[in-house]
């Protein structure tokens, strides 16, 4: 049975790095868990299956944030946008959902 590569993609690492910079600049967005996740993603080291599943759950719960005020306002991004980026942004969401499905298939 093939091993599932759980190394985050470069695009998710880039989004997480942006989230860390935005959080520092605007003093808002994300939790300690989100910051820890961003640091993991920027290192691009393989994540555990549990972390990948938590990422997918985060994005499912917070999809509503994308409809919030200033979600993608470059000058004044919302706390929700910053948190979304900390978790890897859209690239992180797509990757986590794909990997979660692969893990479920593997059993």
PDB file of N, CA and C in Angstrom:
ATOM      1  N   UNK A   1       0.849  -1.184   0.000  1.00  0.00           N
ATOM      2  CA  UNK A   1       0.000   0.000   0.000  1.00  0.00           C
ATOM      3  C   UNK A   1       0.894   1.247   0.000  1.00  0.00           C
ATOM      4  N   UNK A   2       0.632   2.205  -0.885  1.00  0.00           N
ATOM      5  CA  UNK A   2       1.489   3.395  -0.959  1.00  0.00           C
ATOM      6  C   UNK A   2       1.365   4.267   0.293  1.00  0.00           C
ATOM      7  N   UNK A   3       2.474   4.884   0.635  1.00  0.00           N
ATOM      8  CA  UNK A   3       2.505   5.804   1.768  1.00  0.00           C
ATOM      9  C   UNK A   3       1.961   7.156   1.303  1.00  0.00           C
ATOM     10  N   UNK A   4       1.155   7.785   2.131  1.00  0.00           N
ATOM     11  CA  UNK A   4       0.587   9.091   1.791  1.00  0.00           C
ATOM     12  C   UNK A   4       1.547  10.176   2.259  1.00  0.00           C
ATOM     13  N   UNK A   5       1.984  11.002   1.325  1.00  0.00           N
ATOM     14  CA  UNK A   5       2.903  12.099   1.636  1.00  0.00           C
ATOM     15  C   UNK A   5       2.114  13.237   2.286  1.00  0.00           C
ATOM     16  N   UNK A   6       2.428  13.546   3.532  1.00  0.00           N
ATOM     17  CA  UNK A   6       1.726  14.608   4.259  1.00  0.00           C
ATOM     18  C   UNK A   6       2.603  15.856   4.422  1.00  0.00           C
ATOM     19  N   UNK A   7       3.464  16.084   3.420  1.00  0.00           N
ATOM     20  CA  UNK A   7       4.275  17.299   3.399  1.00  0.00           C
ATOM     21  C   UNK A   7       3.432  18.426   2.815  1.00  0.00           C
ATOM     22  N   UNK A   8       3.256  19.513   3.562  1.00  0.00           N
ATOM     23  CA  UNK A   8       2.423  20.616   3.051  1.00  0.00           C
ATOM     24  C   UNK A   8       3.004  21.214   1.763  1.00  0.00           C
ATOM     25  N   UNK A   9       2.146  21.621   0.855  1.00  0.00           N
ATOM     26  CA  UNK A   9       2.624  22.228  -0.392  1.00  0.00           C
ATOM     27  C   UNK A   9       3.200  23.628  -0.159  1.00  0.00           C
ATOM     28  N   UNK A  10       4.038  24.042  -1.088  1.00  0.00           N
ATOM     29  CA  UNK A  10       4.681  25.361  -0.986  1.00  0.00           C
ATOM     30  C   UNK A  10       3.654  26.488  -0.894  1.00  0.00           C
ATOM     31  N   UNK A  11       2.557  26.374  -1.621  1.00  0.00           N
ATOM     32  CA  UNK A  11       1.547  27.441  -1.609  1.00  0.00           C
ATOM     33  C   UNK A  11       0.922  27.598  -0.219  1.00  0.00           C
ATOM     34  N   UNK A  12       0.740  26.494   0.494  1.00  0.00           N
ATOM     35  CA  UNK A  12       0.203  26.568   1.864  1.00  0.00           C
ATOM     36  C   UNK A  12       1.238  27.184   2.800  1.00  0.00           C
ATOM     37  N   UNK A  13       2.492  26.842   2.600  1.00  0.00           N
ATOM     38  CA  UNK A  13       3.562  27.419   3.421  1.00  0.00           C
ATOM     39  C   UNK A  13       3.646  28.934   3.205  1.00  0.00           C
ATOM     40  N   UNK A  14       3.495  29.354   1.955  1.00  0.00           N
ATOM     41  CA  UNK A  14       3.544  30.785   1.623  1.00  0.00           C
ATOM     42  C   UNK A  14       2.374  31.533   2.263  1.00  0.00           C
ATOM     43  N   UNK A  15       1.192  30.938   2.212  1.00  0.00           N
ATOM     44  CA  UNK A  15       0.019  31.566   2.832  1.00  0.00           C
ATOM     45  C   UNK A  15       0.209  31.676   4.343  1.00  0.00           C
ATOM     46  N   UNK A  16       0.743  30.627   4.958  1.00  0.00           N
ATOM     47  CA  UNK A  16       0.971  30.634   6.404  1.00  0.00           C
ATOM     48  C   UNK A  16       1.979  31.726   6.781  1.00  0.00           C
ATOM     49  N   UNK A  17       3.007  31.861   5.965  1.00  0.00           N
ATOM     50  CA  UNK A  17       4.002  32.911   6.208  1.00  0.00           C
ATOM     51  C   UNK A  17       3.356  34.288   6.110  1.00  0.00           C
ATOM     52  N   UNK A  18       2.482  34.469   5.121  1.00  0.00           N
ATOM     53  CA  UNK A  18       1.763  35.737   4.987  1.00  0.00           C
ATOM     54  C   UNK A  18       0.894  35.975   6.223  1.00  0.00           C
ATOM     55  N   UNK A  19       0.227  34.916   6.699  1.00  0.00           N
ATOM     56  CA  UNK A  19      -0.602  35.044   7.894  1.00  0.00           C
ATOM     57  C   UNK A  19       0.199  35.489   9.104  1.00  0.00           C
ATOM     58  N   UNK A  20       1.387  34.936   9.283  1.00  0.00           N
ATOM     59  CA  UNK A  20       2.244  35.337  10.413  1.00  0.00           C
ATOM     60  C   UNK A  20       2.635  36.809  10.295  1.00  0.00           C
ATOM     61  N   UNK A  21       2.960  37.244   9.075  1.00  0.00           N
ATOM     62  CA  UNK A  21       3.341  38.656   8.869  1.00  0.00           C
ATOM     63  C   UNK A  21       2.151  39.586   9.118  1.00  0.00           C
ATOM     64  N   UNK A  22       0.982  39.197   8.616  1.00  0.00           N
ATOM     65  CA  UNK A  22      -0.210  40.025   8.823  1.00  0.00           C
ATOM     66  C   UNK A  22      -0.588  40.090  10.298  1.00  0.00           C
ATOM     67  N   UNK A  23      -0.474  38.981  10.991  1.00  0.00           N
ATOM     68  CA  UNK A  23      -0.805  38.949  12.419  1.00  0.00           C
ATOM     69  C   UNK A  23       0.120  39.881  13.197  1.00  0.00           C
ATOM     70  N   UNK A  24       1.402  39.862  12.852  1.00  0.00           N
ATOM     71  CA  UNK A  24       2.372  40.742  13.522  1.00  0.00           C
ATOM     72  C   UNK A  24       2.079  42.208  13.203  1.00  0.00           C
ATOM     73  N   UNK A  25       1.744  42.489  11.964  1.00  0.00           N
ATOM     74  CA  UNK A  25       1.502  43.867  11.537  1.00  0.00           C
ATOM     75  C   UNK A  25       0.199  44.435  12.092  1.00  0.00           C
ATOM     76  N   UNK A  26      -0.849  43.622  12.167  1.00  0.00           N
ATOM     77  CA  UNK A  26      -2.170  44.117  12.556  1.00  0.00           C
ATOM     78  C   UNK A  26      -2.576  43.752  13.981  1.00  0.00           C
ATOM     79  N   UNK A  27      -1.754  42.951  14.640  1.00  0.00           N
ATOM     80  CA  UNK A  27      -1.996  42.574  16.048  1.00  0.00           C
ATOM     81  C   UNK A  27      -3.359  41.911  16.253  1.00  0.00           C
ATOM     82  N   UNK A  28      -3.751  41.058  15.300  1.00  0.00           N
ATOM     83  CA  UNK A  28      -5.014  40.326  15.422  1.00  0.00           C
ATOM     84  C   UNK A  28      -4.990  39.120  14.491  1.00  0.00           C
ATOM     85  N   UNK A  29      -5.957  38.250  14.702  1.00  0.00           N
ATOM     86  CA  UNK A  29      -6.129  37.104  13.827  1.00  0.00           C
ATOM     87  C   UNK A  29      -5.441  35.860  14.346  1.00  0.00           C
ATOM     88  N   UNK A  30      -6.201  34.802  14.448  1.00  0.00           N
ATOM     89  CA  UNK A  30      -5.637  33.521  14.842  1.00  0.00           C
ATOM     90  C   UNK A  30      -5.471  33.347  16.335  1.00  0.00           C
ATOM     91  N   UNK A  31      -5.240  32.109  16.688  1.00  0.00           N
ATOM     92  CA  UNK A  31      -5.022  31.726  18.076  1.00  0.00           C
ATOM     93  C   UNK A  31      -3.604  31.169  18.201  1.00  0.00           C
ATOM     94  N   UNK A  32      -3.242  30.772  19.402  1.00  0.00           N
ATOM     95  CA  UNK A  32      -1.937  30.133  19.572  1.00  0.00           C
ATOM     96  C   UNK A  32      -1.839  28.874  18.721  1.00  0.00           C
ATOM     97  N   UNK A  33      -2.955  28.153  18.608  1.00  0.00           N
ATOM     98  CA  UNK A  33      -2.969  26.942  17.782  1.00  0.00           C
ATOM     99  C   UNK A  33      -2.748  27.311  16.313  1.00  0.00           C
ATOM    100  N   UNK A  34      -3.401  28.367  15.856  1.00  0.00           N
ATOM    101  CA  UNK A  34      -3.224  28.814  14.478  1.00  0.00           C
ATOM    102  C   UNK A  34      -1.793  29.245  14.189  1.00  0.00           C
ATOM    103  N   UNK A  35      -1.180  29.933  15.136  1.00  0.00           N
ATOM    104  CA  UNK A  35       0.217  30.356  14.977  1.00  0.00           C
ATOM    105  C   UNK A  35       1.129  29.126  14.937  1.00  0.00           C
ATOM    106  N   UNK A  36       0.874  28.171  15.818  1.00  0.00           N
ATOM    107  CA  UNK A  36       1.668  26.935  15.821  1.00  0.00           C
ATOM    108  C   UNK A  36       1.514  26.205  14.488  1.00  0.00           C
ATOM    109  N   UNK A  37       0.291  26.168  13.956  1.00  0.00           N
ATOM    110  CA  UNK A  37       0.048  25.506  12.675  1.00  0.00           C
ATOM    111  C   UNK A  37       0.816  26.222  11.578  1.00  0.00           C
ATOM    112  N   UNK A  38       0.777  27.545  11.588  1.00  0.00           N
ATOM    113  CA  UNK A  38       1.501  28.318  10.570  1.00  0.00           C
ATOM    114  C   UNK A  38       2.993  28.008  10.621  1.00  0.00           C
ATOM    115  N   UNK A  39       3.527  27.909  11.807  1.00  0.00           N
ATOM    116  CA  UNK A  39       4.961  27.602  11.935  1.00  0.00           C
ATOM    117  C   UNK A  39       5.268  26.207  11.384  1.00  0.00           C
ATOM    118  N   UNK A  40       4.367  25.254  11.635  1.00  0.00           N
ATOM    119  CA  UNK A  40       4.542  23.909  11.068  1.00  0.00           C
ATOM    120  C   UNK A  40       4.510  23.963   9.541  1.00  0.00           C
ATOM    121  N   UNK A  41       3.545  24.668   9.009  1.00  0.00           N
ATOM    122  CA  UNK A  41       3.384  24.731   7.560  1.00  0.00           C
ATOM    123  C   UNK A  41       4.577  25.392   6.884  1.00  0.00           C
ATOM    124  N   UNK A  42       5.098  26.453   7.483  1.00  0.00           N
ATOM    125  CA  UNK A  42       6.220  27.160   6.852  1.00  0.00           C
ATOM    126  C   UNK A  42       7.478  26.301   6.816  1.00  0.00           C
ATOM    127  N   UNK A  43       7.614  25.373   7.742  1.00  0.00           N
ATOM    128  CA  UNK A  43       8.776  24.469   7.749  1.00  0.00           C
ATOM    129  C   UNK A  43       8.675  23.402   6.666  1.00  0.00           C
ATOM    130  N   UNK A  44       7.441  23.146   6.203  1.00  0.00           N
ATOM    131  CA  UNK A  44       7.168  22.147   5.163  1.00  0.00           C
ATOM    132  C   UNK A  44       7.675  20.761   5.533  1.00  0.00           C
ATOM    133  N   UNK A  45       7.567  20.433   6.805  1.00  0.00           N
ATOM    134  CA  UNK A  45       7.870  19.079   7.247  1.00  0.00           C
ATOM    135  C   UNK A  45       6.570  18.289   7.259  1.00  0.00           C
ATOM    136  N   UNK A  46       6.636  16.966   7.048  1.00  0.00           N
ATOM    137  CA  UNK A  46       5.404  16.172   7.045  1.00  0.00           C
ATOM    138  C   UNK A  46       4.608  16.340   8.344  1.00  0.00           C
ATOM    139  N   UNK A  47       3.298  16.450   8.196  1.00  0.00           N
ATOM    140  CA  UNK A  47       2.406  16.589   9.343  1.00  0.00           C
ATOM    141  C   UNK A  47       1.835  15.215   9.693  1.00  0.00           C
ATOM    142  N   UNK A  48       1.295  15.106  10.882  1.00  0.00           N
ATOM    143  CA  UNK A  48       0.636  13.855  11.265  1.00  0.00           C
ATOM    144  C   UNK A  48      -0.748  13.806  10.616  1.00  0.00           C
ATOM    145  N   UNK A  49      -1.290  12.609  10.513  1.00  0.00           N
ATOM    146  CA  UNK A  49      -2.641  12.440   9.967  1.00  0.00           C
ATOM    147  C   UNK A  49      -3.647  13.223  10.807  1.00  0.00           C
ATOM    148  N   UNK A  50      -3.464  13.230  12.132  1.00  0.00           N
ATOM    149  CA  UNK A  50      -4.385  13.963  13.006  1.00  0.00           C
ATOM    150  C   UNK A  50      -4.366  15.457  12.707  1.00  0.00           C
ATOM    151  N   UNK A  51      -3.189  16.011  12.474  1.00  0.00           N
ATOM    152  CA  UNK A  51      -3.082  17.443  12.169  1.00  0.00           C
ATOM    153  C   UNK A  51      -3.767  17.748  10.843  1.00  0.00           C
ATOM    154  N   UNK A  52      -3.583  16.906   9.857  1.00  0.00           N
ATOM    155  CA  UNK A  52      -4.227  17.116   8.558  1.00  0.00           C
ATOM    156  C   UNK A  52      -5.749  17.091   8.721  1.00  0.00           C
ATOM    157  N   UNK A  53      -6.245  16.163   9.509  1.00  0.00           N
ATOM    158  CA  UNK A  53      -7.692  16.088   9.753  1.00  0.00           C
ATOM    159  C   UNK A  53      -8.184  17.329  10.495  1.00  0.00           C
ATOM    160  N   UNK A  54      -7.384  17.824  11.446  1.00  0.00           N
ATOM    161  CA  UNK A  54      -7.761  19.049  12.167  1.00  0.00           C
ATOM    162  C   UNK A  54      -7.777  20.245  11.231  1.00  0.00           C
ATOM    163  N   UNK A  55      -6.843  20.267  10.297  1.00  0.00           N
ATOM    164  CA  UNK A  55      -6.836  21.355   9.311  1.00  0.00           C
ATOM    165  C   UNK A  55      -8.120  21.334   8.491  1.00  0.00           C
ATOM    166  N   UNK A  56      -8.498  20.158   8.006  1.00  0.00           N
ATOM    167  CA  UNK A  56      -9.727  20.042   7.208  1.00  0.00           C
ATOM    168  C   UNK A  56     -10.932  20.489   8.032  1.00  0.00           C
ATOM    169  N   UNK A  57     -10.968  20.114   9.299  1.00  0.00           N
ATOM    170  CA  UNK A  57     -12.079  20.517  10.179  1.00  0.00           C
ATOM    171  C   UNK A  57     -12.093  22.028  10.391  1.00  0.00           C
ATOM    172  N   UNK A  58     -10.909  22.629  10.586  1.00  0.00           N
ATOM    173  CA  UNK A  58     -10.822  24.075  10.755  1.00  0.00           C
ATOM    174  C   UNK A  58     -11.453  24.776   9.545  1.00  0.00           C
ATOM    175  N   UNK A  59     -11.017  24.378   8.353  1.00  0.00           N
ATOM    176  CA  UNK A  59     -11.520  25.042   7.143  1.00  0.00           C
ATOM    177  C   UNK A  59     -13.018  24.848   6.969  1.00  0.00           C
ATOM    178  N   UNK A  60     -13.525  23.678   7.308  1.00  0.00           N
ATOM    179  CA  UNK A  60     -14.972  23.436   7.208  1.00  0.00           C
ATOM    180  C   UNK A  60     -15.735  24.356   8.157  1.00  0.00           C
ATOM    181  N   UNK A  61     -15.224  24.521   9.379  1.00  0.00           N
ATOM    182  CA  UNK A  61     -15.892  25.387  10.364  1.00  0.00           C
ATOM    183  C   UNK A  61     -15.799  26.862  10.004  1.00  0.00           C
ATOM    184  N   UNK A  62     -14.700  27.254   9.388  1.00  0.00           N
ATOM    185  CA  UNK A  62     -14.441  28.676   9.171  1.00  0.00           C
ATOM    186  C   UNK A  62     -14.675  29.147   7.734  1.00  0.00           C
ATOM    187  N   UNK A  63     -15.261  28.310   6.907  1.00  0.00           N
ATOM    188  CA  UNK A  63     -15.559  28.728   5.527  1.00  0.00           C
ATOM    189  C   UNK A  63     -16.422  29.982   5.515  1.00  0.00           C
ATOM    190  N   UNK A  64     -17.274  30.128   6.513  1.00  0.00           N
ATOM    191  CA  UNK A  64     -18.152  31.297   6.616  1.00  0.00           C
ATOM    192  C   UNK A  64     -17.351  32.596   6.757  1.00  0.00           C
ATOM    193  N   UNK A  65     -16.135  32.512   7.281  1.00  0.00           N
ATOM    194  CA  UNK A  65     -15.301  33.711   7.446  1.00  0.00           C
ATOM    195  C   UNK A  65     -15.017  34.390   6.102  1.00  0.00           C
ATOM    196  N   UNK A  66     -15.021  33.596   5.040  1.00  0.00           N
ATOM    197  CA  UNK A  66     -14.706  34.157   3.724  1.00  0.00           C
ATOM    198  C   UNK A  66     -15.760  35.153   3.251  1.00  0.00           C
ATOM    199  N   UNK A  67     -16.944  35.116   3.847  1.00  0.00           N
ATOM    200  CA  UNK A  67     -18.002  36.052   3.467  1.00  0.00           C
ATOM    201  C   UNK A  67     -18.033  37.278   4.380  1.00  0.00           C
ATOM    202  N   UNK A  68     -17.133  37.323   5.343  1.00  0.00           N
ATOM    203  CA  UNK A  68     -17.113  38.421   6.306  1.00  0.00           C
ATOM    204  C   UNK A  68     -16.521  39.706   5.736  1.00  0.00           C
ATOM    205  N   UNK A  69     -16.801  40.794   6.437  1.00  0.00           N
ATOM    206  CA  UNK A  69     -16.306  42.115   6.052  1.00  0.00           C
ATOM    207  C   UNK A  69     -14.778  42.122   6.058  1.00  0.00           C
ATOM    208  N   UNK A  70     -14.197  42.697   5.024  1.00  0.00           N
ATOM    209  CA  UNK A  70     -12.748  42.873   4.887  1.00  0.00           C
ATOM    210  C   UNK A  70     -11.962  41.566   4.858  1.00  0.00           C
ATOM    211  N   UNK A  71     -12.615  40.464   4.445  1.00  0.00           N
ATOM    212  CA  UNK A  71     -11.900  39.188   4.441  1.00  0.00           C
ATOM    213  C   UNK A  71     -10.607  39.279   3.651  1.00  0.00           C
ATOM    214  N   UNK A  72     -10.663  39.882   2.486  1.00  0.00           N
ATOM    215  CA  UNK A  72      -9.464  39.936   1.647  1.00  0.00           C
ATOM    216  C   UNK A  72      -9.061  41.378   1.337  1.00  0.00           C
ATOM    217  N   UNK A  73      -9.262  42.253   2.310  1.00  0.00           N
ATOM    218  CA  UNK A  73      -8.882  43.656   2.163  1.00  0.00           C
ATOM    219  C   UNK A  73      -7.372  43.768   2.424  1.00  0.00           C
ATOM    220  N   UNK A  74      -6.606  44.038   1.389  1.00  0.00           N
ATOM    221  CA  UNK A  74      -5.147  44.074   1.517  1.00  0.00           C
ATOM    222  C   UNK A  74      -4.673  45.127   2.519  1.00  0.00           C
ATOM    223  N   UNK A  75      -5.392  46.230   2.624  1.00  0.00           N
ATOM    224  CA  UNK A  75      -4.991  47.307   3.535  1.00  0.00           C
ATOM    225  C   UNK A  75      -5.368  47.005   4.985  1.00  0.00           C
ATOM    226  N   UNK A  76      -6.503  46.351   5.173  1.00  0.00           N
ATOM    227  CA  UNK A  76      -7.012  46.112   6.524  1.00  0.00           C
ATOM    228  C   UNK A  76      -7.716  44.754   6.579  1.00  0.00           C
ATOM    229  N   UNK A  77      -6.933  43.665   6.476  1.00  0.00           N
ATOM    230  CA  UNK A  77      -7.562  42.345   6.429  1.00  0.00           C
ATOM    231  C   UNK A  77      -8.269  41.995   7.730  1.00  0.00           C
ATOM    232  N   UNK A  78      -9.352  41.255   7.599  1.00  0.00           N
ATOM    233  CA  UNK A  78     -10.097  40.824   8.782  1.00  0.00           C
ATOM    234  C   UNK A  78      -9.284  39.811   9.591  1.00  0.00           C
ATOM    235  N   UNK A  79      -9.645  39.682  10.846  1.00  0.00           N
ATOM    236  CA  UNK A  79      -9.018  38.667  11.697  1.00  0.00           C
ATOM    237  C   UNK A  79      -9.254  37.278  11.105  1.00  0.00           C
ATOM    238  N   UNK A  80     -10.430  37.083  10.498  1.00  0.00           N
ATOM    239  CA  UNK A  80     -10.747  35.808   9.871  1.00  0.00           C
ATOM    240  C   UNK A  80      -9.823  35.488   8.705  1.00  0.00           C
ATOM    241  N   UNK A  81      -9.495  36.506   7.908  1.00  0.00           N
ATOM    242  CA  UNK A  81      -8.569  36.300   6.793  1.00  0.00           C
ATOM    243  C   UNK A  81      -7.188  35.931   7.308  1.00  0.00           C
ATOM    244  N   UNK A  82      -6.732  36.648   8.316  1.00  0.00           N
ATOM    245  CA  UNK A  82      -5.408  36.378   8.878  1.00  0.00           C
ATOM    246  C   UNK A  82      -5.360  34.944   9.411  1.00  0.00           C
ATOM    247  N   UNK A  83      -6.390  34.545  10.151  1.00  0.00           N
ATOM    248  CA  UNK A  83      -6.438  33.183  10.692  1.00  0.00           C
ATOM    249  C   UNK A  83      -6.467  32.157   9.560  1.00  0.00           C
ATOM    250  N   UNK A  84      -7.246  32.422   8.523  1.00  0.00           N
ATOM    251  CA  UNK A  84      -7.336  31.519   7.361  1.00  0.00           C
ATOM    252  C   UNK A  84      -5.946  31.305   6.758  1.00  0.00           C
ATOM    253  N   UNK A  85      -5.213  32.400   6.618  1.00  0.00           N
ATOM    254  CA  UNK A  85      -3.870  32.310   6.058  1.00  0.00           C
ATOM    255  C   UNK A  85      -2.937  31.522   6.981  1.00  0.00           C
ATOM    256  N   UNK A  86      -3.075  31.718   8.286  1.00  0.00           N
ATOM    257  CA  UNK A  86      -2.233  30.975   9.229  1.00  0.00           C
ATOM    258  C   UNK A  86      -2.375  29.473   9.032  1.00  0.00           C
ATOM    259  N   UNK A  87      -3.559  29.029   8.667  1.00  0.00           N
ATOM    260  CA  UNK A  87      -3.835  27.604   8.473  1.00  0.00           C
ATOM    261  C   UNK A  87      -3.484  27.142   7.058  1.00  0.00           C
ATOM    262  N   UNK A  88      -2.908  28.019   6.247  1.00  0.00           N
ATOM    263  CA  UNK A  88      -2.462  27.632   4.909  1.00  0.00           C
ATOM    264  C   UNK A  88      -3.280  28.184   3.766  1.00  0.00           C
ATOM    265  N   UNK A  89      -4.286  29.010   4.087  1.00  0.00           N
ATOM    266  CA  UNK A  89      -5.091  29.632   3.040  1.00  0.00           C
ATOM    267  C   UNK A  89      -5.845  28.618   2.197  1.00  0.00           C
ATOM    268  N   UNK A  90      -6.290  29.056   1.031  1.00  0.00           N
ATOM    269  CA  UNK A  90      -7.056  28.177   0.144  1.00  0.00           C
ATOM    270  C   UNK A  90      -6.241  26.948  -0.265  1.00  0.00           C
ATOM    271  N   UNK A  91      -4.935  27.143  -0.456  1.00  0.00           N
ATOM    272  CA  UNK A  91      -4.071  26.008  -0.825  1.00  0.00           C
ATOM    273  C   UNK A  91      -4.030  24.980   0.299  1.00  0.00           C
ATOM    274  N   UNK A  92      -3.968  25.458   1.538  1.00  0.00           N
ATOM    275  CA  UNK A  92      -3.975  24.557   2.686  1.00  0.00           C
ATOM    276  C   UNK A  92      -5.288  23.812   2.815  1.00  0.00           C
ATOM    277  N   UNK A  93      -6.385  24.519   2.555  1.00  0.00           N
ATOM    278  CA  UNK A  93      -7.707  23.889   2.602  1.00  0.00           C
ATOM    279  C   UNK A  93      -7.815  22.776   1.566  1.00  0.00           C
ATOM    280  N   UNK A  94      -7.465  23.100   0.331  1.00  0.00           N
ATOM    281  CA  UNK A  94      -7.576  22.118  -0.746  1.00  0.00           C
ATOM    282  C   UNK A  94      -6.699  20.898  -0.468  1.00  0.00           C
ATOM    283  N   UNK A  95      -5.482  21.142  -0.015  1.00  0.00           N
ATOM    284  CA  UNK A  95      -4.548  20.064   0.285  1.00  0.00           C
ATOM    285  C   UNK A  95      -5.063  19.196   1.439  1.00  0.00           C
ATOM    286  N   UNK A  96      -5.511  19.845   2.525  1.00  0.00           N
ATOM    287  CA  UNK A  96      -5.992  19.101   3.700  1.00  0.00           C
ATOM    288  C   UNK A  96      -7.215  18.253   3.342  1.00  0.00           C
ATOM    289  N   UNK A  97      -8.121  18.801   2.544  1.00  0.00           N
ATOM    290  CA  UNK A  97      -9.302  18.030   2.142  1.00  0.00           C
ATOM    291  C   UNK A  97      -8.912  16.821   1.294  1.00  0.00           C
ATOM    292  N   UNK A  98      -7.990  17.012   0.376  1.00  0.00           N
ATOM    293  CA  UNK A  98      -7.514  15.914  -0.474  1.00  0.00           C
ATOM    294  C   UNK A  98      -6.841  14.833   0.367  1.00  0.00           C
ATOM    295  N   UNK A  99      -5.954  15.261   1.264  1.00  0.00           N
ATOM    296  CA  UNK A  99      -5.221  14.300   2.093  1.00  0.00           C
ATOM    297  C   UNK A  99      -6.148  13.595   3.075  1.00  0.00           C
ATOM    298  N   UNK A 100      -7.139  14.305   3.604  1.00  0.00           N
ATOM    299  CA  UNK A 100      -8.099  13.676   4.506  1.00  0.00           C
ATOM    300  C   UNK A 100      -8.846  12.551   3.773  1.00  0.00           C
ATOM    301  N   UNK A 101      -9.235  12.814   2.538  1.00  0.00           N
ATOM    302  CA  UNK A 101      -9.927  11.804   1.728  1.00  0.00           C
ATOM    303  C   UNK A 101      -9.011  10.614   1.446  1.00  0.00           C
ATOM    304  N   UNK A 102      -7.747  10.881   1.140  1.00  0.00           N
ATOM    305  CA  UNK A 102      -6.785   9.797   0.891  1.00  0.00           C
ATOM    306  C   UNK A 102      -6.618   8.941   2.153  1.00  0.00           C
ATOM    307  N   UNK A 103      -6.529   9.606   3.302  1.00  0.00           N
ATOM    308  CA  UNK A 103      -6.378   8.884   4.570  1.00  0.00           C
ATOM    309  C   UNK A 103      -7.612   8.023   4.857  1.00  0.00           C
ATOM    310  N   UNK A 104      -8.775   8.549   4.538  1.00  0.00           N
ATOM    311  CA  UNK A 104     -10.016   7.793   4.774  1.00  0.00           C
ATOM    312  C   UNK A 104     -10.070   6.551   3.875  1.00  0.00           C
ATOM    313  N   UNK A 105      -9.603   6.705   2.639  1.00  0.00           N
ATOM    314  CA  UNK A 105      -9.583   5.570   1.709  1.00  0.00           C
ATOM    315  C   UNK A 105      -8.635   4.477   2.181  1.00  0.00           C
ATOM    316  N   UNK A 106      -7.523   4.927   2.733  1.00  0.00           N
ATOM    317  CA  UNK A 106      -6.499   3.977   3.208  1.00  0.00           C
ATOM    318  C   UNK A 106      -7.007   3.197   4.415  1.00  0.00           C
ATOM    319  N   UNK A 107      -7.891   3.854   5.179  1.00  0.00           N
ATOM    320  CA  UNK A 107      -8.498   3.177   6.329  1.00  0.00           C
ATOM    321  C   UNK A 107      -7.670   3.314   7.516  1.00  0.00           C
TER     322      UNK A 107
END
